[in-house]
N, C-alpha and C. Protein backbone atom coordinates (compact mmCIF):
# COMPACT_ATOMS: atom_id res chain seq x y z
N MET A 1 7.35 -17.37 11.87
CA MET A 1 6.39 -15.16 12.69
C MET A 1 5.68 -15.38 13.33
N LYS A 2 4.40 -15.94 13.56
CA LYS A 2 4.00 -15.67 14.31
C LYS A 2 4.82 -16.28 16.20
N GLN A 3 5.01 -17.16 15.51
CA GLN A 3 6.26 -17.27 16.80
C GLN A 3 7.37 -15.80 17.60
N ARG A 4 8.01 -15.21 16.14
CA ARG A 4 7.99 -14.24 17.13
C ARG A 4 7.91 -13.14 17.70
N ALA A 5 6.70 -12.58 17.11
CA ALA A 5 6.05 -11.82 16.70
C ALA A 5 5.20 -11.98 18.43
N LEU A 6 5.00 -13.16 19.19
CA LEU A 6 4.28 -14.05 20.57
C LEU A 6 6.11 -13.29 21.34
N GLU A 7 6.84 -14.12 20.99
CA GLU A 7 8.35 -13.86 21.93
C GLU A 7 8.71 -11.79 21.60
N GLN A 8 8.45 -11.20 21.13
CA GLN A 8 8.20 -9.44 20.93
C GLN A 8 7.11 -9.22 21.94
N LEU A 9 6.12 -9.63 22.50
CA LEU A 9 5.06 -9.04 22.86
C LEU A 9 5.15 -9.54 24.25
N ARG A 10 5.80 -10.83 23.94
CA ARG A 10 6.22 -11.00 25.73
C ARG A 10 7.39 -10.46 26.63
N SER A 11 8.46 -9.75 25.64
CA SER A 11 9.10 -9.18 26.26
C SER A 11 9.40 -7.64 26.32
N GLY A 12 8.49 -7.12 25.87
CA GLY A 12 7.83 -6.36 25.81
C GLY A 12 8.31 -4.85 24.27
N LYS A 13 8.65 -5.78 23.27
CA LYS A 13 9.53 -5.12 22.66
C LYS A 13 8.44 -5.10 21.73
N SER A 14 9.07 -3.95 20.93
CA SER A 14 7.81 -3.34 19.97
C SER A 14 7.43 -4.44 18.53
N LEU A 15 6.39 -4.45 18.06
CA LEU A 15 5.84 -5.29 17.27
C LEU A 15 6.15 -4.45 16.03
N TYR A 16 6.22 -3.31 16.47
CA TYR A 16 6.95 -2.33 14.58
C TYR A 16 7.71 -1.84 14.29
N GLY A 17 8.18 -1.03 14.01
CA GLY A 17 9.61 -0.60 13.48
C GLY A 17 10.46 -1.43 12.74
N LYS A 18 11.08 -0.82 12.07
CA LYS A 18 12.79 -1.87 11.74
C LYS A 18 12.03 -3.29 11.81
N ASP A 19 12.39 -3.47 12.88
CA ASP A 19 12.83 -5.12 13.25
C ASP A 19 11.59 -5.74 14.29
N GLY A 20 10.75 -5.17 13.51
CA GLY A 20 9.31 -5.94 14.98
C GLY A 20 9.15 -6.72 13.43
N ALA A 21 8.03 -7.64 14.73
CA ALA A 21 7.92 -8.91 13.79
C ALA A 21 6.36 -8.23 12.63
N PHE A 22 6.01 -7.08 13.24
CA PHE A 22 4.95 -7.22 12.35
C PHE A 22 5.02 -7.06 10.53
N ALA A 23 5.96 -6.29 10.24
CA ALA A 23 6.32 -5.84 9.05
C ALA A 23 6.36 -7.45 8.18
N PRO A 24 6.95 -8.93 8.64
CA PRO A 24 6.84 -9.81 8.05
C PRO A 24 5.57 -10.95 7.34
N LEU A 25 4.92 -10.41 8.90
CA LEU A 25 3.78 -11.05 8.55
C LEU A 25 2.31 -9.34 7.62
N LEU A 26 2.63 -8.61 7.70
CA LEU A 26 1.85 -8.35 7.00
C LEU A 26 2.25 -8.29 5.56
N LYS A 27 3.79 -8.09 5.62
CA LYS A 27 4.22 -8.68 4.03
C LYS A 27 3.63 -9.82 3.46
N SER A 28 3.77 -11.05 4.39
CA SER A 28 3.07 -12.14 3.90
C SER A 28 1.63 -12.63 3.96
N PHE A 29 0.18 -11.84 4.45
CA PHE A 29 -0.66 -12.05 4.55
C PHE A 29 -1.05 -10.62 2.75
N LEU A 30 -0.12 -10.04 2.19
CA LEU A 30 -0.17 -8.85 1.01
C LEU A 30 -0.19 -10.09 -0.15
N ASP A 31 0.74 -10.49 0.39
CA ASP A 31 1.52 -10.99 -0.82
C ASP A 31 0.29 -12.75 -1.03
N SER A 32 0.06 -13.23 -0.05
CA SER A 32 -1.05 -14.18 -0.30
C SER A 32 -2.22 -13.76 -0.64
N ALA A 33 -2.51 -12.11 -0.38
CA ALA A 33 -4.11 -11.80 -0.68
C ALA A 33 -3.64 -11.42 -1.93
N LEU A 34 -2.80 -11.41 -2.61
CA LEU A 34 -2.73 -10.42 -4.26
C LEU A 34 -2.87 -11.79 -5.21
N GLU A 35 -2.19 -12.90 -4.70
CA GLU A 35 -1.68 -14.29 -5.16
C GLU A 35 -2.96 -14.39 -5.96
N ALA A 36 -4.10 -14.95 -4.66
CA ALA A 36 -5.78 -15.22 -4.67
C ALA A 36 -6.28 -13.42 -5.13
N GLU A 37 -6.26 -13.12 -5.16
CA GLU A 37 -6.94 -11.97 -6.31
C GLU A 37 -6.70 -12.22 -7.35
N LEU A 38 -5.58 -12.81 -7.74
CA LEU A 38 -5.12 -12.84 -9.26
C LEU A 38 -5.69 -14.15 -9.91
N ASP A 39 -5.86 -15.08 -8.65
CA ASP A 39 -6.44 -16.26 -9.09
C ASP A 39 -8.24 -16.04 -9.48
N SER A 40 -8.27 -14.78 -8.71
CA SER A 40 -10.38 -15.24 -8.95
C SER A 40 -9.96 -13.94 -9.94
N HIS A 41 -9.02 -13.64 -10.47
CA HIS A 41 -9.66 -12.39 -11.97
C HIS A 41 -9.55 -12.98 -12.96
N LEU A 42 -7.88 -14.34 -13.37
CA LEU A 42 -8.18 -15.40 -13.84
C LEU A 42 -9.23 -16.70 -13.85
N ASP A 43 -10.30 -16.42 -14.18
CA ASP A 43 -11.36 -17.09 -14.50
C ASP A 43 -11.08 -18.85 -15.01
N ALA A 44 -11.18 -19.87 -15.64
CA ALA A 44 -10.86 -20.60 -16.94
C ALA A 44 -11.02 -20.59 -17.97
N GLU A 45 -12.43 -18.88 -18.35
CA GLU A 45 -12.30 -18.56 -19.29
C GLU A 45 -10.61 -18.19 -19.66
N GLU A 46 -10.48 -16.69 -19.51
CA GLU A 46 -9.21 -16.24 -18.91
C GLU A 46 -8.27 -17.23 -19.56
N ARG A 47 -7.95 -17.76 -19.04
CA ARG A 47 -7.03 -19.02 -18.46
C ARG A 47 -6.82 -19.58 -20.41
N LEU A 48 -7.86 -19.90 -20.92
CA LEU A 48 -8.15 -20.89 -22.00
C LEU A 48 -7.76 -19.58 -23.23
N SER A 49 -7.90 -18.63 -23.08
CA SER A 49 -7.09 -17.33 -24.05
C SER A 49 -6.10 -16.98 -23.86
N GLY A 50 -5.72 -18.45 -22.90
CA GLY A 50 -4.28 -17.81 -22.89
C GLY A 50 -3.56 -16.60 -22.11
N ASN A 51 -4.45 -16.35 -21.45
CA ASN A 51 -4.27 -15.32 -19.82
C ASN A 51 -4.12 -15.48 -19.55
N ARG A 52 -2.82 -15.54 -18.42
CA ARG A 52 -2.51 -16.50 -18.01
C ARG A 52 -1.43 -15.70 -16.96
N LYS A 53 -0.73 -16.66 -15.37
CA LYS A 53 0.36 -15.72 -14.65
C LYS A 53 1.33 -15.04 -15.57
N ASN A 54 2.42 -14.47 -14.63
CA ASN A 54 4.09 -13.72 -15.65
C ASN A 54 4.29 -13.51 -14.44
N GLY A 55 5.12 -13.77 -13.57
CA GLY A 55 6.24 -13.98 -13.02
C GLY A 55 4.88 -12.28 -11.77
N LYS A 56 6.14 -12.40 -11.11
CA LYS A 56 5.82 -10.77 -9.85
C LYS A 56 6.58 -9.71 -10.03
N THR A 57 6.23 -8.37 -9.70
CA THR A 57 6.74 -7.20 -9.65
C THR A 57 7.13 -7.09 -8.75
N ASN A 58 8.10 -6.41 -7.56
CA ASN A 58 8.39 -5.92 -6.35
C ASN A 58 8.00 -5.16 -6.76
N LYS A 59 7.36 -4.51 -5.68
CA LYS A 59 6.89 -3.24 -4.79
C LYS A 59 7.62 -2.91 -3.34
N GLU A 60 7.75 -1.69 -3.49
CA GLU A 60 7.92 -0.98 -2.19
C GLU A 60 6.70 -0.36 -1.69
N VAL A 61 6.36 -0.98 0.17
CA VAL A 61 5.06 0.18 0.41
C VAL A 61 4.86 0.73 2.19
N ARG A 62 4.62 1.59 2.26
CA ARG A 62 4.95 1.79 3.71
C ARG A 62 3.71 2.07 4.30
N ILE A 63 3.96 1.59 6.04
CA ILE A 63 2.46 1.63 6.16
C ILE A 63 3.22 2.21 7.60
N PHE A 64 2.40 3.67 7.81
CA PHE A 64 3.51 3.94 9.67
C PHE A 64 4.98 3.95 8.69
N SER A 65 5.87 3.52 10.03
CA SER A 65 6.80 3.96 9.75
C SER A 65 8.07 3.03 8.71
N VAL A 66 7.31 1.77 8.59
CA VAL A 66 7.61 0.35 7.94
C VAL A 66 6.83 0.67 6.65
N THR A 67 9.05 0.12 5.87
CA THR A 67 8.72 0.02 4.28
C THR A 67 8.11 -1.40 4.37
N ILE A 68 7.62 -1.98 3.53
CA ILE A 68 7.32 -3.30 2.83
C ILE A 68 7.97 -3.54 1.21
N SER A 69 8.68 -4.40 1.22
CA SER A 69 8.75 -5.10 0.44
C SER A 69 7.94 -6.44 -0.52
N ILE A 70 6.84 -6.36 -1.50
CA ILE A 70 5.76 -7.21 -1.69
C ILE A 70 5.92 -7.74 -2.92
N ASN A 71 5.56 -8.76 -3.23
CA ASN A 71 5.40 -8.93 -5.01
C ASN A 71 3.78 -9.03 -5.46
N THR A 72 3.74 -8.06 -6.31
CA THR A 72 2.56 -8.03 -7.24
C THR A 72 2.52 -8.85 -8.00
N PRO A 73 1.71 -9.75 -8.29
CA PRO A 73 1.56 -10.67 -9.46
C PRO A 73 1.08 -9.89 -10.13
N ARG A 74 1.70 -10.43 -12.19
CA ARG A 74 1.38 -10.10 -13.21
C ARG A 74 0.68 -10.85 -13.99
N ASN A 75 0.08 -11.09 -15.14
CA ASN A 75 -0.86 -11.81 -15.79
C ASN A 75 -0.09 -10.90 -17.19
N ARG A 76 -0.77 -11.73 -18.36
CA ARG A 76 0.30 -12.23 -19.38
C ARG A 76 -0.14 -11.00 -20.38
N SER A 77 -1.75 -10.90 -20.52
CA SER A 77 -2.54 -9.59 -21.21
C SER A 77 -2.47 -8.37 -20.54
N ALA A 78 -1.99 -8.19 -19.60
CA ALA A 78 -1.79 -7.15 -18.42
C ALA A 78 -3.37 -6.34 -18.13
N THR A 79 -4.36 -7.49 -17.61
CA THR A 79 -5.74 -7.37 -17.04
C THR A 79 -5.43 -7.19 -15.75
N PHE A 80 -4.45 -7.37 -14.75
CA PHE A 80 -4.51 -7.66 -13.48
C PHE A 80 -4.25 -5.83 -12.92
N GLU A 81 -5.64 -5.28 -12.47
CA GLU A 81 -5.85 -4.36 -11.20
C GLU A 81 -6.20 -4.82 -10.51
N PRO A 82 -4.84 -4.98 -9.10
CA PRO A 82 -4.89 -4.86 -7.91
C PRO A 82 -6.38 -4.21 -7.11
N LYS A 83 -6.53 -4.23 -5.92
CA LYS A 83 -7.88 -3.94 -4.88
C LYS A 83 -7.04 -4.34 -4.07
N ILE A 84 -6.11 -4.23 -3.40
CA ILE A 84 -5.64 -4.27 -2.17
C ILE A 84 -4.68 -3.40 -1.94
N ILE A 85 -3.78 -2.98 -2.99
CA ILE A 85 -2.93 -2.31 -3.22
C ILE A 85 -2.85 -2.20 -4.67
N ARG A 86 -3.20 -0.98 -4.71
CA ARG A 86 -3.37 0.37 -6.37
C ARG A 86 -2.35 0.16 -7.27
N LYS A 87 -1.93 -0.23 -8.82
CA LYS A 87 -0.88 -0.14 -9.06
C LYS A 87 -0.42 2.09 -8.58
N ARG A 88 0.93 1.63 -8.63
CA ARG A 88 1.23 3.53 -8.84
C ARG A 88 0.84 3.32 -7.09
N GLU A 89 0.30 3.08 -5.88
CA GLU A 89 0.40 3.00 -4.74
C GLU A 89 1.20 2.71 -3.73
N THR A 90 2.27 3.95 -2.94
CA THR A 90 3.23 3.37 -2.34
C THR A 90 2.96 3.26 -0.48
N ILE A 91 1.74 3.91 -0.28
CA ILE A 91 1.20 4.08 0.45
C ILE A 91 0.38 3.50 1.22
N LEU A 92 0.16 2.75 2.50
CA LEU A 92 -1.18 1.68 2.43
C LEU A 92 -2.06 2.69 3.43
N ALA A 93 -2.28 3.34 3.19
CA ALA A 93 -3.42 3.87 3.72
C ALA A 93 -4.71 4.33 3.26
N GLU A 94 -5.46 4.08 3.21
CA GLU A 94 -7.33 3.75 2.19
C GLU A 94 -7.60 4.91 2.57
N SER A 95 -7.65 5.01 1.08
CA SER A 95 -8.04 6.64 0.25
C SER A 95 -7.58 7.74 0.75
N LEU A 96 -6.00 8.00 1.11
CA LEU A 96 -5.77 8.89 1.07
C LEU A 96 -5.71 9.76 0.86
N GLU A 97 -5.40 9.99 -0.58
CA GLU A 97 -5.81 10.67 -1.27
C GLU A 97 -7.13 11.91 -1.10
N SER A 98 -8.00 10.86 -1.10
CA SER A 98 -9.30 11.79 -1.06
C SER A 98 -8.92 12.12 0.45
N LYS A 99 -8.39 11.96 1.31
CA LYS A 99 -8.46 12.69 2.54
C LYS A 99 -7.60 13.90 2.58
N ILE A 100 -7.17 13.65 1.59
CA ILE A 100 -5.98 15.08 1.72
C ILE A 100 -6.81 16.26 1.04
N ILE A 101 -7.40 15.73 0.06
CA ILE A 101 -8.47 16.71 -0.60
C ILE A 101 -9.44 17.37 0.07
N GLY A 102 -10.01 16.39 1.31
CA GLY A 102 -11.05 17.20 2.14
C GLY A 102 -10.00 18.09 3.55
N ILE A 103 -8.60 17.57 3.55
CA ILE A 103 -8.43 18.88 4.53
C ILE A 103 -7.61 19.50 3.72
N TYR A 104 -7.26 19.76 2.37
CA TYR A 104 -7.10 20.92 1.44
C TYR A 104 -8.62 22.17 1.17
N GLY A 105 -9.36 21.13 0.87
CA GLY A 105 -10.52 21.86 0.76
C GLY A 105 -11.36 22.47 2.15
N LEU A 106 -10.16 22.56 3.93
CA LEU A 106 -11.38 23.53 4.93
C LEU A 106 -9.67 24.21 4.62
N GLY A 107 -9.59 24.25 4.36
CA GLY A 107 -7.88 25.13 3.98
C GLY A 107 -6.81 25.45 4.32
N MET A 108 -6.44 24.19 4.74
CA MET A 108 -5.40 23.89 4.96
C MET A 108 -3.96 23.56 4.08
N SER A 109 -2.52 25.12 4.41
CA SER A 109 -1.83 24.48 3.57
C SER A 109 -0.98 23.06 2.91
N LEU A 110 -0.47 22.75 1.85
CA LEU A 110 0.42 22.46 1.86
C LEU A 110 1.67 21.44 2.28
N ARG A 111 2.27 21.91 2.51
CA ARG A 111 2.75 22.70 3.95
C ARG A 111 1.72 21.51 5.80
N ASP A 112 1.69 22.53 5.95
CA ASP A 112 -0.10 21.98 6.88
C ASP A 112 -0.12 20.61 6.86
N ILE A 113 -0.47 20.09 5.61
CA ILE A 113 -1.27 18.85 5.34
C ILE A 113 -0.02 17.30 5.75
N SER A 114 1.55 18.14 5.06
CA SER A 114 1.97 17.63 4.87
C SER A 114 2.26 17.18 6.35
N LYS A 115 2.64 18.20 7.26
CA LYS A 115 2.86 17.65 8.41
C LYS A 115 1.93 16.87 9.28
N HIS A 116 0.71 17.11 9.56
CA HIS A 116 -0.57 16.02 9.45
C HIS A 116 -0.83 15.11 9.57
N ILE A 117 0.02 14.30 8.30
CA ILE A 117 0.14 13.38 7.16
C ILE A 117 1.56 12.29 8.22
N LYS A 118 2.77 13.43 8.12
CA LYS A 118 4.09 12.78 9.17
C LYS A 118 2.70 12.22 10.83
N ASP A 119 2.28 13.38 11.02
CA ASP A 119 1.77 13.49 12.60
C ASP A 119 0.65 11.90 13.04
N MET A 120 -0.32 11.69 11.34
CA MET A 120 -1.15 10.86 11.23
C MET A 120 -0.53 9.59 10.81
N TYR A 121 0.22 9.90 10.27
CA TYR A 121 -0.20 7.85 9.35
C TYR A 121 1.86 8.03 9.79
N ASP A 122 2.83 8.49 10.30
CA ASP A 122 4.09 8.78 10.83
C ASP A 122 5.22 8.42 8.92
N THR A 123 4.24 9.23 8.12
CA THR A 123 4.60 8.80 6.63
C THR A 123 5.20 9.94 6.83
N ASP A 124 6.77 10.61 5.31
CA ASP A 124 6.68 11.52 5.55
C ASP A 124 6.56 11.44 3.78
N ILE A 125 5.50 13.34 3.59
CA ILE A 125 5.07 13.02 1.73
C ILE A 125 5.11 14.99 2.04
N SER A 126 5.72 15.06 1.10
CA SER A 126 6.60 16.96 0.81
C SER A 126 5.29 17.25 0.12
N HIS A 127 5.23 18.30 0.53
CA HIS A 127 4.43 19.35 -0.06
C HIS A 127 4.30 19.51 -1.56
N ALA A 128 5.36 19.25 -2.56
CA ALA A 128 5.64 18.79 -3.20
C ALA A 128 5.22 17.63 -4.61
N THR A 129 4.58 17.20 -3.40
CA THR A 129 4.45 15.41 -3.53
C THR A 129 2.62 16.23 -3.72
N LEU A 130 1.97 17.12 -2.79
CA LEU A 130 1.23 16.97 -3.08
C LEU A 130 0.57 17.86 -3.86
N GLN A 131 0.84 18.20 -5.24
CA GLN A 131 1.01 19.43 -5.47
C GLN A 131 -0.25 18.76 -6.90
N PRO A 132 -0.10 17.60 -7.14
CA PRO A 132 -0.64 16.97 -7.68
C PRO A 132 -2.37 17.63 -7.68
N SER A 133 -2.36 16.78 -5.93
CA SER A 133 -3.77 16.18 -5.45
C SER A 133 -4.54 17.67 -5.08
N GLN A 134 -3.48 18.87 -5.77
CA GLN A 134 -4.04 20.26 -4.87
C GLN A 134 -4.52 20.50 -6.38
N THR A 135 -3.66 20.37 -7.71
CA THR A 135 -4.01 20.19 -8.64
C THR A 135 -5.26 19.72 -9.43
N ARG A 136 -5.89 18.30 -9.43
CA ARG A 136 -6.69 17.85 -9.87
C ARG A 136 -8.04 18.01 -9.09
N LEU A 137 -7.75 18.95 -7.89
CA LEU A 137 -9.02 19.54 -7.15
C LEU A 137 -9.15 20.31 -7.65
N PHE A 138 -8.51 20.83 -8.62
CA PHE A 138 -9.21 22.02 -9.56
C PHE A 138 -9.61 22.24 -10.69
N LEU A 139 -9.19 21.07 -11.29
CA LEU A 139 -9.94 20.75 -12.26
C LEU A 139 -11.28 19.63 -12.58
N SER A 140 -11.34 19.88 -10.91
CA SER A 140 -12.55 18.18 -10.85
C SER A 140 -14.26 19.70 -11.43
């Protein structure tokens, strides 16, 4: 993978996008980091109580314009909560929800926020998807 990235860089091709070398490198990193996080979660005491690895769940996450399929590990008692990519997180952008709420609080409409996210992260989020964030803002 590293060799492919170097070749693309030397030839002037983009590392990002559908055929770029960035996606496989990021996938490899995220899969390894999630495995290490589960290993850290399952200490010796947990393992003795019968809580151990229990397969993986396939999940697609987006970062900029690239969709990456990662394998999130599971444990038998379902106590593992990954920190790197949280459950139900599909866009890899740190604290995107809090940024959306902050922008909404400044007076931008949901349609404007959707356009702004497209410009910043090259990710399409419809204004209808943003609606739950708005509801959470008013309930706080």
